[in-house]
Amino acid sequence: MYIRQELPTDYDIVYEVIREAFAKAEHSDGNEQDLVVALRKSKSFIPELSLVAIVDDRIVGHILFTKAYVGHTEVLALAPLSVLPEYQNRGIGLSLIRQGHIIASVLGYEYSVVLGHSEYYPKAGYAPAVQYGIRAPFPVDDKDYMAVCLKENADRLDGMMEYDKAFGI
């Protein structure tokens, strides 16, 4: 497996990967693939943080981090993370997250925030976002709204997360 930046020529394949990955997901609105299309067209899109995982010359996973804000501080929103069902539970998702964190750190980002499974994302260092002073703009259990600090000695935040309008929040 290897990971690289998503290219425009990947968009149709990635659309199907996301659709398939979320088709039977417990927590899904079924629109994750359309969210990615909208985010690519937004001011929050960071091409370097739209990554694909490739196995045997086939795109089997995708991750997207986009710009968001907590107060005046620019942070990242991780959404969505997608791996084809037949490739899940092989470490591909965690590899995509880790590579994204490396790139995000190089780009100067201090935090990444995710709404996700409280048993999965802590494997990549995520903890309840309230520990970092980040509050969700919608009702959610603290255990499911998580953040990771990407920089040692980063300033603690104090505010509500503001997503790109493409999220519809």
N, C-alpha and C. Protein backbone atom coordinates (compact mmCIF):
# COMPACT_ATOMS: atom_id res chain seq x y z
N MET A 1 0.83 -1.18 0.00
CA MET A 1 0.00 0.00 0.00
C MET A 1 0.88 1.25 0.00
N TYR A 2 0.45 2.26 -0.74
CA TYR A 2 1.11 3.55 -0.62
C TYR A 2 0.05 4.64 -0.64
N ILE A 3 0.45 5.81 -0.15
CA ILE A 3 -0.46 6.94 -0.01
C ILE A 3 0.12 8.10 -0.81
N ARG A 4 -0.76 8.78 -1.53
CA ARG A 4 -0.34 9.97 -2.28
C ARG A 4 -1.48 10.98 -2.28
N GLN A 5 -1.14 12.19 -2.71
CA GLN A 5 -2.14 13.24 -2.85
C GLN A 5 -3.14 12.85 -3.93
N GLU A 6 -4.40 13.12 -3.67
CA GLU A 6 -5.45 12.89 -4.67
C GLU A 6 -5.24 13.82 -5.85
N LEU A 7 -5.49 13.30 -7.04
CA LEU A 7 -5.40 14.09 -8.27
C LEU A 7 -6.80 14.30 -8.84
N PRO A 8 -7.00 15.35 -9.63
CA PRO A 8 -8.32 15.54 -10.25
C PRO A 8 -8.78 14.33 -11.06
N THR A 9 -7.85 13.60 -11.64
CA THR A 9 -8.22 12.40 -12.41
C THR A 9 -8.74 11.27 -11.50
N ASP A 10 -8.55 11.40 -10.19
CA ASP A 10 -9.04 10.40 -9.23
C ASP A 10 -10.47 10.66 -8.77
N TYR A 11 -11.00 11.84 -9.06
CA TYR A 11 -12.25 12.27 -8.44
C TYR A 11 -13.40 11.28 -8.62
N ASP A 12 -13.60 10.75 -9.80
CA ASP A 12 -14.72 9.82 -10.02
C ASP A 12 -14.53 8.53 -9.23
N ILE A 13 -13.32 8.02 -9.21
CA ILE A 13 -13.04 6.79 -8.46
C ILE A 13 -13.23 7.04 -6.96
N VAL A 14 -12.70 8.16 -6.47
CA VAL A 14 -12.82 8.49 -5.05
C VAL A 14 -14.30 8.65 -4.67
N TYR A 15 -15.09 9.24 -5.54
CA TYR A 15 -16.52 9.39 -5.29
C TYR A 15 -17.15 8.01 -5.00
N GLU A 16 -16.80 7.02 -5.80
CA GLU A 16 -17.35 5.67 -5.62
C GLU A 16 -16.77 4.99 -4.38
N VAL A 17 -15.51 5.21 -4.09
CA VAL A 17 -14.91 4.65 -2.88
C VAL A 17 -15.65 5.16 -1.65
N ILE A 18 -15.89 6.46 -1.60
CA ILE A 18 -16.59 7.05 -0.46
C ILE A 18 -18.01 6.51 -0.37
N ARG A 19 -18.72 6.47 -1.50
CA ARG A 19 -20.09 5.97 -1.52
C ARG A 19 -20.15 4.54 -1.00
N GLU A 20 -19.26 3.68 -1.49
CA GLU A 20 -19.24 2.28 -1.05
C GLU A 20 -18.86 2.15 0.43
N ALA A 21 -17.89 2.96 0.85
CA ALA A 21 -17.42 2.88 2.23
C ALA A 21 -18.52 3.21 3.23
N PHE A 22 -19.39 4.14 2.86
CA PHE A 22 -20.44 4.58 3.78
C PHE A 22 -21.80 3.93 3.51
N ALA A 23 -21.90 3.09 2.49
CA ALA A 23 -23.19 2.51 2.11
C ALA A 23 -23.88 1.79 3.26
N LYS A 24 -23.13 1.09 4.08
CA LYS A 24 -23.72 0.33 5.18
C LYS A 24 -23.22 0.82 6.54
N ALA A 25 -22.67 2.01 6.56
CA ALA A 25 -22.14 2.56 7.82
C ALA A 25 -23.27 2.88 8.79
N GLU A 26 -23.01 2.62 10.04
CA GLU A 26 -24.01 2.85 11.09
C GLU A 26 -24.39 4.32 11.20
N HIS A 27 -23.40 5.20 11.16
CA HIS A 27 -23.65 6.64 11.28
C HIS A 27 -23.28 7.31 9.97
N SER A 28 -24.25 7.45 9.08
CA SER A 28 -24.01 8.06 7.78
C SER A 28 -25.30 8.68 7.28
N ASP A 29 -25.15 9.82 6.61
CA ASP A 29 -26.34 10.42 5.98
C ASP A 29 -26.40 10.05 4.50
N GLY A 30 -25.41 9.28 4.03
CA GLY A 30 -25.40 8.84 2.64
C GLY A 30 -24.91 9.89 1.66
N ASN A 31 -24.48 11.05 2.18
CA ASN A 31 -24.05 12.15 1.32
C ASN A 31 -22.57 12.48 1.44
N GLU A 32 -21.80 11.62 2.06
CA GLU A 32 -20.38 11.92 2.28
C GLU A 32 -19.64 12.19 0.97
N GLN A 33 -19.95 11.44 -0.07
CA GLN A 33 -19.28 11.64 -1.35
C GLN A 33 -19.63 13.00 -1.96
N ASP A 34 -20.86 13.46 -1.76
CA ASP A 34 -21.26 14.77 -2.26
C ASP A 34 -20.64 15.89 -1.43
N LEU A 35 -20.44 15.63 -0.14
CA LEU A 35 -19.75 16.60 0.72
C LEU A 35 -18.34 16.82 0.20
N VAL A 36 -17.66 15.76 -0.17
CA VAL A 36 -16.29 15.89 -0.69
C VAL A 36 -16.28 16.71 -1.97
N VAL A 37 -17.23 16.47 -2.85
CA VAL A 37 -17.32 17.26 -4.10
C VAL A 37 -17.48 18.74 -3.76
N ALA A 38 -18.37 19.05 -2.82
CA ALA A 38 -18.59 20.45 -2.42
C ALA A 38 -17.35 21.04 -1.76
N LEU A 39 -16.70 20.28 -0.90
CA LEU A 39 -15.51 20.80 -0.21
C LEU A 39 -14.36 21.07 -1.16
N ARG A 40 -14.22 20.24 -2.19
CA ARG A 40 -13.15 20.49 -3.18
C ARG A 40 -13.33 21.84 -3.85
N LYS A 41 -14.55 22.33 -3.96
CA LYS A 41 -14.85 23.60 -4.61
C LYS A 41 -14.84 24.77 -3.63
N SER A 42 -14.61 24.49 -2.36
CA SER A 42 -14.70 25.52 -1.33
C SER A 42 -13.35 26.18 -1.05
N LYS A 43 -13.39 27.28 -0.32
CA LYS A 43 -12.18 27.98 0.09
C LYS A 43 -11.45 27.21 1.19
N SER A 44 -12.09 26.20 1.74
CA SER A 44 -11.50 25.41 2.82
C SER A 44 -10.66 24.23 2.32
N PHE A 45 -10.72 23.97 1.02
CA PHE A 45 -10.03 22.82 0.45
C PHE A 45 -8.52 23.03 0.47
N ILE A 46 -7.80 22.01 0.89
CA ILE A 46 -6.34 22.01 0.92
C ILE A 46 -5.91 20.79 0.10
N PRO A 47 -5.51 20.98 -1.15
CA PRO A 47 -5.19 19.83 -2.01
C PRO A 47 -4.18 18.86 -1.39
N GLU A 48 -3.20 19.37 -0.66
CA GLU A 48 -2.17 18.52 -0.05
C GLU A 48 -2.75 17.59 1.02
N LEU A 49 -3.95 17.90 1.50
CA LEU A 49 -4.56 17.10 2.56
C LEU A 49 -5.78 16.33 2.09
N SER A 50 -5.83 16.08 0.79
CA SER A 50 -6.79 15.15 0.21
C SER A 50 -5.95 13.99 -0.32
N LEU A 51 -5.98 12.88 0.41
CA LEU A 51 -5.06 11.77 0.17
C LEU A 51 -5.80 10.50 -0.23
N VAL A 52 -5.14 9.68 -1.03
CA VAL A 52 -5.69 8.38 -1.40
C VAL A 52 -4.70 7.28 -1.00
N ALA A 53 -5.28 6.13 -0.65
CA ALA A 53 -4.48 4.93 -0.38
C ALA A 53 -4.64 3.99 -1.56
N ILE A 54 -3.53 3.45 -2.03
CA ILE A 54 -3.53 2.59 -3.21
C ILE A 54 -2.95 1.23 -2.88
N VAL A 55 -3.69 0.19 -3.27
CA VAL A 55 -3.25 -1.19 -3.12
C VAL A 55 -3.39 -1.85 -4.48
N ASP A 56 -2.34 -2.47 -4.95
CA ASP A 56 -2.37 -3.15 -6.26
C ASP A 56 -2.93 -2.25 -7.36
N ASP A 57 -2.43 -1.02 -7.41
CA ASP A 57 -2.83 -0.03 -8.43
C ASP A 57 -4.31 0.36 -8.37
N ARG A 58 -4.94 0.12 -7.24
CA ARG A 58 -6.36 0.46 -7.07
C ARG A 58 -6.52 1.40 -5.88
N ILE A 59 -7.27 2.48 -6.05
CA ILE A 59 -7.58 3.37 -4.94
C ILE A 59 -8.59 2.66 -4.05
N VAL A 60 -8.19 2.45 -2.79
CA VAL A 60 -9.04 1.72 -1.85
C VAL A 60 -9.44 2.57 -0.65
N GLY A 61 -8.85 3.76 -0.53
CA GLY A 61 -9.16 4.62 0.60
C GLY A 61 -8.92 6.09 0.28
N HIS A 62 -9.55 6.95 1.07
CA HIS A 62 -9.43 8.40 0.88
C HIS A 62 -9.64 9.08 2.23
N ILE A 63 -8.93 10.17 2.41
CA ILE A 63 -9.13 11.02 3.59
C ILE A 63 -9.08 12.47 3.15
N LEU A 64 -9.86 13.30 3.82
CA LEU A 64 -9.88 14.72 3.52
C LEU A 64 -9.84 15.52 4.81
N PHE A 65 -8.92 16.45 4.88
CA PHE A 65 -8.84 17.43 5.96
C PHE A 65 -9.09 18.79 5.31
N THR A 66 -9.99 19.58 5.87
CA THR A 66 -10.26 20.92 5.34
C THR A 66 -10.11 21.96 6.44
N LYS A 67 -9.97 23.21 6.02
CA LYS A 67 -9.83 24.31 6.97
C LYS A 67 -11.13 24.52 7.73
N ALA A 68 -10.96 24.79 9.03
CA ALA A 68 -12.06 25.16 9.90
C ALA A 68 -11.48 26.15 10.91
N TYR A 69 -12.33 26.69 11.76
CA TYR A 69 -11.85 27.68 12.72
C TYR A 69 -12.40 27.42 14.11
N VAL A 70 -11.57 27.74 15.09
CA VAL A 70 -11.99 27.84 16.48
C VAL A 70 -11.59 29.25 16.87
N GLY A 71 -12.58 30.13 16.96
CA GLY A 71 -12.27 31.54 17.13
C GLY A 71 -11.54 32.04 15.89
N HIS A 72 -10.38 32.64 16.09
CA HIS A 72 -9.59 33.13 14.96
C HIS A 72 -8.48 32.15 14.56
N THR A 73 -8.46 30.99 15.20
CA THR A 73 -7.41 30.01 14.93
C THR A 73 -7.87 29.02 13.86
N GLU A 74 -7.06 28.89 12.82
CA GLU A 74 -7.36 27.93 11.77
C GLU A 74 -6.94 26.54 12.23
N VAL A 75 -7.88 25.61 12.15
CA VAL A 75 -7.64 24.21 12.51
C VAL A 75 -8.08 23.36 11.32
N LEU A 76 -8.02 22.05 11.49
CA LEU A 76 -8.46 21.14 10.44
C LEU A 76 -9.68 20.34 10.87
N ALA A 77 -10.56 20.11 9.92
CA ALA A 77 -11.68 19.20 10.11
C ALA A 77 -11.38 17.95 9.30
N LEU A 78 -11.32 16.81 9.96
CA LEU A 78 -11.11 15.54 9.27
C LEU A 78 -12.49 15.01 8.91
N ALA A 79 -12.79 14.95 7.64
CA ALA A 79 -14.09 14.40 7.19
C ALA A 79 -14.14 14.41 5.68
N PRO A 80 -14.46 13.30 5.10
CA PRO A 80 -14.57 11.99 5.73
C PRO A 80 -13.29 11.17 5.56
N LEU A 81 -13.27 10.05 6.27
CA LEU A 81 -12.26 9.01 6.10
C LEU A 81 -13.00 7.82 5.51
N SER A 82 -12.54 7.32 4.37
CA SER A 82 -13.24 6.25 3.66
C SER A 82 -12.29 5.15 3.24
N VAL A 83 -12.67 3.92 3.50
CA VAL A 83 -11.92 2.75 3.03
C VAL A 83 -12.95 1.75 2.51
N LEU A 84 -12.70 1.22 1.32
CA LEU A 84 -13.61 0.23 0.76
C LEU A 84 -13.85 -0.89 1.77
N PRO A 85 -15.09 -1.37 1.89
CA PRO A 85 -15.40 -2.39 2.91
C PRO A 85 -14.47 -3.60 2.90
N GLU A 86 -14.10 -4.09 1.72
CA GLU A 86 -13.26 -5.28 1.67
C GLU A 86 -11.81 -5.01 2.08
N TYR A 87 -11.46 -3.74 2.27
CA TYR A 87 -10.10 -3.38 2.69
C TYR A 87 -10.07 -2.82 4.12
N GLN A 88 -11.21 -2.80 4.78
CA GLN A 88 -11.26 -2.28 6.15
C GLN A 88 -10.60 -3.26 7.12
N ASN A 89 -10.23 -2.74 8.26
CA ASN A 89 -9.57 -3.51 9.32
C ASN A 89 -8.19 -4.04 8.91
N ARG A 90 -7.52 -3.27 8.05
CA ARG A 90 -6.16 -3.63 7.63
C ARG A 90 -5.16 -2.51 7.94
N GLY A 91 -5.61 -1.49 8.66
CA GLY A 91 -4.71 -0.39 9.01
C GLY A 91 -4.63 0.71 7.96
N ILE A 92 -5.42 0.63 6.90
CA ILE A 92 -5.37 1.63 5.84
C ILE A 92 -5.87 2.98 6.34
N GLY A 93 -6.98 2.98 7.06
CA GLY A 93 -7.51 4.23 7.59
C GLY A 93 -6.54 4.92 8.53
N LEU A 94 -5.95 4.15 9.44
CA LEU A 94 -4.97 4.74 10.36
C LEU A 94 -3.75 5.26 9.62
N SER A 95 -3.33 4.56 8.58
CA SER A 95 -2.20 5.04 7.78
C SER A 95 -2.53 6.35 7.09
N LEU A 96 -3.75 6.47 6.57
CA LEU A 96 -4.18 7.73 5.95
C LEU A 96 -4.19 8.87 6.98
N ILE A 97 -4.70 8.59 8.17
CA ILE A 97 -4.73 9.61 9.23
C ILE A 97 -3.31 10.05 9.57
N ARG A 98 -2.44 9.08 9.80
CA ARG A 98 -1.05 9.41 10.20
C ARG A 98 -0.34 10.23 9.13
N GLN A 99 -0.50 9.85 7.86
CA GLN A 99 0.14 10.61 6.78
C GLN A 99 -0.45 12.01 6.71
N GLY A 100 -1.76 12.12 6.89
CA GLY A 100 -2.40 13.44 6.92
C GLY A 100 -1.86 14.30 8.05
N HIS A 101 -1.65 13.71 9.21
CA HIS A 101 -1.11 14.46 10.34
C HIS A 101 0.31 14.95 10.05
N ILE A 102 1.11 14.13 9.41
CA ILE A 102 2.48 14.54 9.07
C ILE A 102 2.44 15.75 8.14
N ILE A 103 1.64 15.66 7.10
CA ILE A 103 1.54 16.78 6.14
C ILE A 103 0.97 18.01 6.82
N ALA A 104 -0.06 17.82 7.64
CA ALA A 104 -0.68 18.95 8.34
C ALA A 104 0.33 19.66 9.24
N SER A 105 1.16 18.89 9.91
CA SER A 105 2.19 19.48 10.78
C SER A 105 3.18 20.29 9.97
N VAL A 106 3.61 19.75 8.84
CA VAL A 106 4.54 20.47 7.97
C VAL A 106 3.91 21.77 7.48
N LEU A 107 2.61 21.74 7.21
CA LEU A 107 1.90 22.94 6.75
C LEU A 107 1.61 23.93 7.88
N GLY A 108 1.90 23.54 9.11
CA GLY A 108 1.76 24.45 10.24
C GLY A 108 0.48 24.34 11.04
N TYR A 109 -0.33 23.36 10.77
CA TYR A 109 -1.58 23.19 11.54
C TYR A 109 -1.28 22.58 12.89
N GLU A 110 -2.02 23.06 13.91
CA GLU A 110 -1.79 22.60 15.27
C GLU A 110 -2.84 21.61 15.75
N TYR A 111 -4.04 21.64 15.16
CA TYR A 111 -5.12 20.77 15.62
C TYR A 111 -5.89 20.19 14.45
N SER A 112 -6.37 18.96 14.65
CA SER A 112 -7.32 18.32 13.75
C SER A 112 -8.50 17.87 14.60
N VAL A 113 -9.70 18.07 14.08
CA VAL A 113 -10.93 17.75 14.82
C VAL A 113 -11.75 16.79 13.99
N VAL A 114 -12.38 15.82 14.67
CA VAL A 114 -13.21 14.84 13.97
C VAL A 114 -14.45 14.49 14.80
N LEU A 115 -15.54 14.29 14.12
CA LEU A 115 -16.73 13.69 14.71
C LEU A 115 -16.70 12.24 14.24
N GLY A 116 -16.49 11.33 15.17
CA GLY A 116 -16.32 9.95 14.72
C GLY A 116 -16.42 8.94 15.84
N HIS A 117 -16.11 7.72 15.52
CA HIS A 117 -16.23 6.60 16.43
C HIS A 117 -15.22 6.70 17.57
N SER A 118 -15.74 6.74 18.79
CA SER A 118 -14.89 6.97 19.96
C SER A 118 -13.95 5.82 20.28
N GLU A 119 -14.11 4.68 19.63
CA GLU A 119 -13.17 3.58 19.85
C GLU A 119 -12.12 3.50 18.75
N TYR A 120 -12.35 4.17 17.64
CA TYR A 120 -11.42 4.11 16.51
C TYR A 120 -10.40 5.25 16.52
N TYR A 121 -10.88 6.47 16.57
CA TYR A 121 -9.98 7.63 16.42
C TYR A 121 -8.95 7.79 17.53
N PRO A 122 -9.21 7.36 18.77
CA PRO A 122 -8.14 7.43 19.77
C PRO A 122 -6.89 6.63 19.39
N LYS A 123 -7.04 5.63 18.51
CA LYS A 123 -5.88 4.87 18.04
C LYS A 123 -4.92 5.78 17.26
N ALA A 124 -5.42 6.91 16.75
CA ALA A 124 -4.60 7.86 16.01
C ALA A 124 -4.30 9.11 16.86
N GLY A 125 -4.55 9.01 18.16
CA GLY A 125 -4.20 10.10 19.06
C GLY A 125 -5.32 11.05 19.41
N TYR A 126 -6.51 10.84 18.89
CA TYR A 126 -7.62 11.74 19.16
C TYR A 126 -8.19 11.51 20.56
N ALA A 127 -8.61 12.62 21.18
CA ALA A 127 -9.21 12.61 22.51
C ALA A 127 -10.38 13.60 22.47
N PRO A 128 -11.26 13.54 23.46
CA PRO A 128 -12.38 14.50 23.45
C PRO A 128 -11.90 15.94 23.24
N ALA A 129 -12.51 16.60 22.27
CA ALA A 129 -12.09 17.95 21.87
C ALA A 129 -12.19 18.96 23.01
N VAL A 130 -13.11 18.73 23.94
CA VAL A 130 -13.26 19.66 25.07
C VAL A 130 -11.97 19.77 25.87
N GLN A 131 -11.15 18.72 25.84
CA GLN A 131 -9.85 18.77 26.54
C GLN A 131 -8.94 19.85 25.97
N TYR A 132 -9.18 20.23 24.72
CA TYR A 132 -8.38 21.26 24.06
C TYR A 132 -9.12 22.60 23.98
N GLY A 133 -10.30 22.66 24.60
CA GLY A 133 -11.08 23.89 24.57
C GLY A 133 -11.90 24.06 23.30
N ILE A 134 -12.15 22.96 22.59
CA ILE A 134 -12.90 23.01 21.33
C ILE A 134 -14.29 22.43 21.58
N ARG A 135 -15.30 23.22 21.25
CA ARG A 135 -16.69 22.80 21.42
C ARG A 135 -17.35 22.60 20.06
N ALA A 136 -18.25 21.63 20.00
CA ALA A 136 -18.98 21.34 18.77
C ALA A 136 -20.11 22.34 18.58
N PRO A 137 -20.44 22.70 17.34
CA PRO A 137 -21.54 23.62 17.06
C PRO A 137 -22.90 22.91 16.96
N PHE A 138 -22.95 21.69 17.45
CA PHE A 138 -24.17 20.89 17.42
C PHE A 138 -24.14 19.95 18.62
N PRO A 139 -25.30 19.43 19.01
CA PRO A 139 -25.32 18.51 20.15
C PRO A 139 -24.62 17.19 19.81
N VAL A 140 -23.69 16.79 20.66
CA VAL A 140 -22.95 15.54 20.44
C VAL A 140 -22.30 15.13 21.76
N ASP A 141 -22.18 13.82 21.96
CA ASP A 141 -21.47 13.33 23.14
C ASP A 141 -20.00 13.72 23.03
N ASP A 142 -19.43 14.17 24.14
CA ASP A 142 -18.01 14.56 24.15
C ASP A 142 -17.11 13.45 23.63
N LYS A 143 -17.45 12.20 23.92
CA LYS A 143 -16.59 11.08 23.52
C LYS A 143 -16.52 10.91 22.00
N ASP A 144 -17.52 11.42 21.28
CA ASP A 144 -17.56 11.27 19.83
C ASP A 144 -17.03 12.49 19.06
N TYR A 145 -16.78 13.57 19.77
CA TYR A 145 -16.27 14.79 19.14
C TYR A 145 -14.85 14.97 19.64
N MET A 146 -13.88 14.68 18.78
CA MET A 146 -12.50 14.54 19.21
C MET A 146 -11.54 15.45 18.46
N ALA A 147 -10.40 15.66 19.07
CA ALA A 147 -9.33 16.45 18.45
C ALA A 147 -8.00 15.83 18.79
N VAL A 148 -7.01 16.18 17.99
CA VAL A 148 -5.64 15.79 18.27
C VAL A 148 -4.79 17.05 18.10
N CYS A 149 -3.83 17.20 19.00
CA CYS A 149 -2.89 18.31 18.91
C CYS A 149 -1.68 17.82 18.12
N LEU A 150 -1.37 18.53 17.04
CA LEU A 150 -0.31 18.13 16.13
C LEU A 150 1.03 18.80 16.43
N LYS A 151 1.02 19.73 17.38
CA LYS A 151 2.24 20.48 17.69
C LYS A 151 2.44 20.52 19.19
N GLU A 152 3.61 20.13 19.61
CA GLU A 152 3.93 20.19 21.02
C GLU A 152 3.86 21.65 21.49
N ASN A 153 3.30 21.86 22.64
CA ASN A 153 3.17 23.20 23.24
C ASN A 153 2.27 24.14 22.44
N ALA A 154 1.30 23.60 21.71
CA ALA A 154 0.34 24.45 21.01
C ALA A 154 -0.53 25.18 22.02
N ASP A 155 -0.96 26.37 21.66
CA ASP A 155 -1.85 27.11 22.54
C ASP A 155 -3.16 26.35 22.70
N ARG A 156 -3.69 26.34 23.92
CA ARG A 156 -4.99 25.74 24.16
C ARG A 156 -6.03 26.66 23.54
N LEU A 157 -7.04 26.08 22.93
CA LEU A 157 -8.08 26.87 22.29
C LEU A 157 -9.25 27.06 23.24
N ASP A 158 -10.15 27.96 22.91
CA ASP A 158 -11.35 28.17 23.72
C ASP A 158 -12.43 28.72 22.81
N GLY A 159 -13.20 27.81 22.22
CA GLY A 159 -14.25 28.28 21.35
C GLY A 159 -14.97 27.16 20.64
N MET A 160 -15.95 27.57 19.86
CA MET A 160 -16.76 26.64 19.09
C MET A 160 -16.17 26.45 17.71
N MET A 161 -16.19 25.23 17.24
CA MET A 161 -15.68 24.89 15.91
C MET A 161 -16.61 25.49 14.85
N GLU A 162 -15.99 26.12 13.86
CA GLU A 162 -16.75 26.69 12.74
C GLU A 162 -16.31 25.99 11.47
N TYR A 163 -17.24 25.25 10.87
CA TYR A 163 -16.97 24.47 9.67
C TYR A 163 -17.26 25.27 8.40
N ASP A 164 -16.71 24.81 7.29
CA ASP A 164 -17.07 25.36 5.99
C ASP A 164 -18.56 25.18 5.77
N LYS A 165 -19.16 26.12 5.07
CA LYS A 165 -20.62 26.07 4.85
C LYS A 165 -21.05 24.81 4.09
N ALA A 166 -20.12 24.15 3.39
CA ALA A 166 -20.45 22.92 2.66
C ALA A 166 -20.95 21.82 3.60
N PHE A 167 -20.55 21.89 4.87
CA PHE A 167 -20.99 20.90 5.86
C PHE A 167 -22.46 21.09 6.22
N GLY A 168 -23.01 22.26 5.94
CA GLY A 168 -24.41 22.51 6.26
C GLY A 168 -24.68 22.66 7.75
N ILE A 169 -23.66 23.08 8.49
CA ILE A 169 -23.79 23.23 9.95
C ILE A 169 -24.02 24.69 10.28
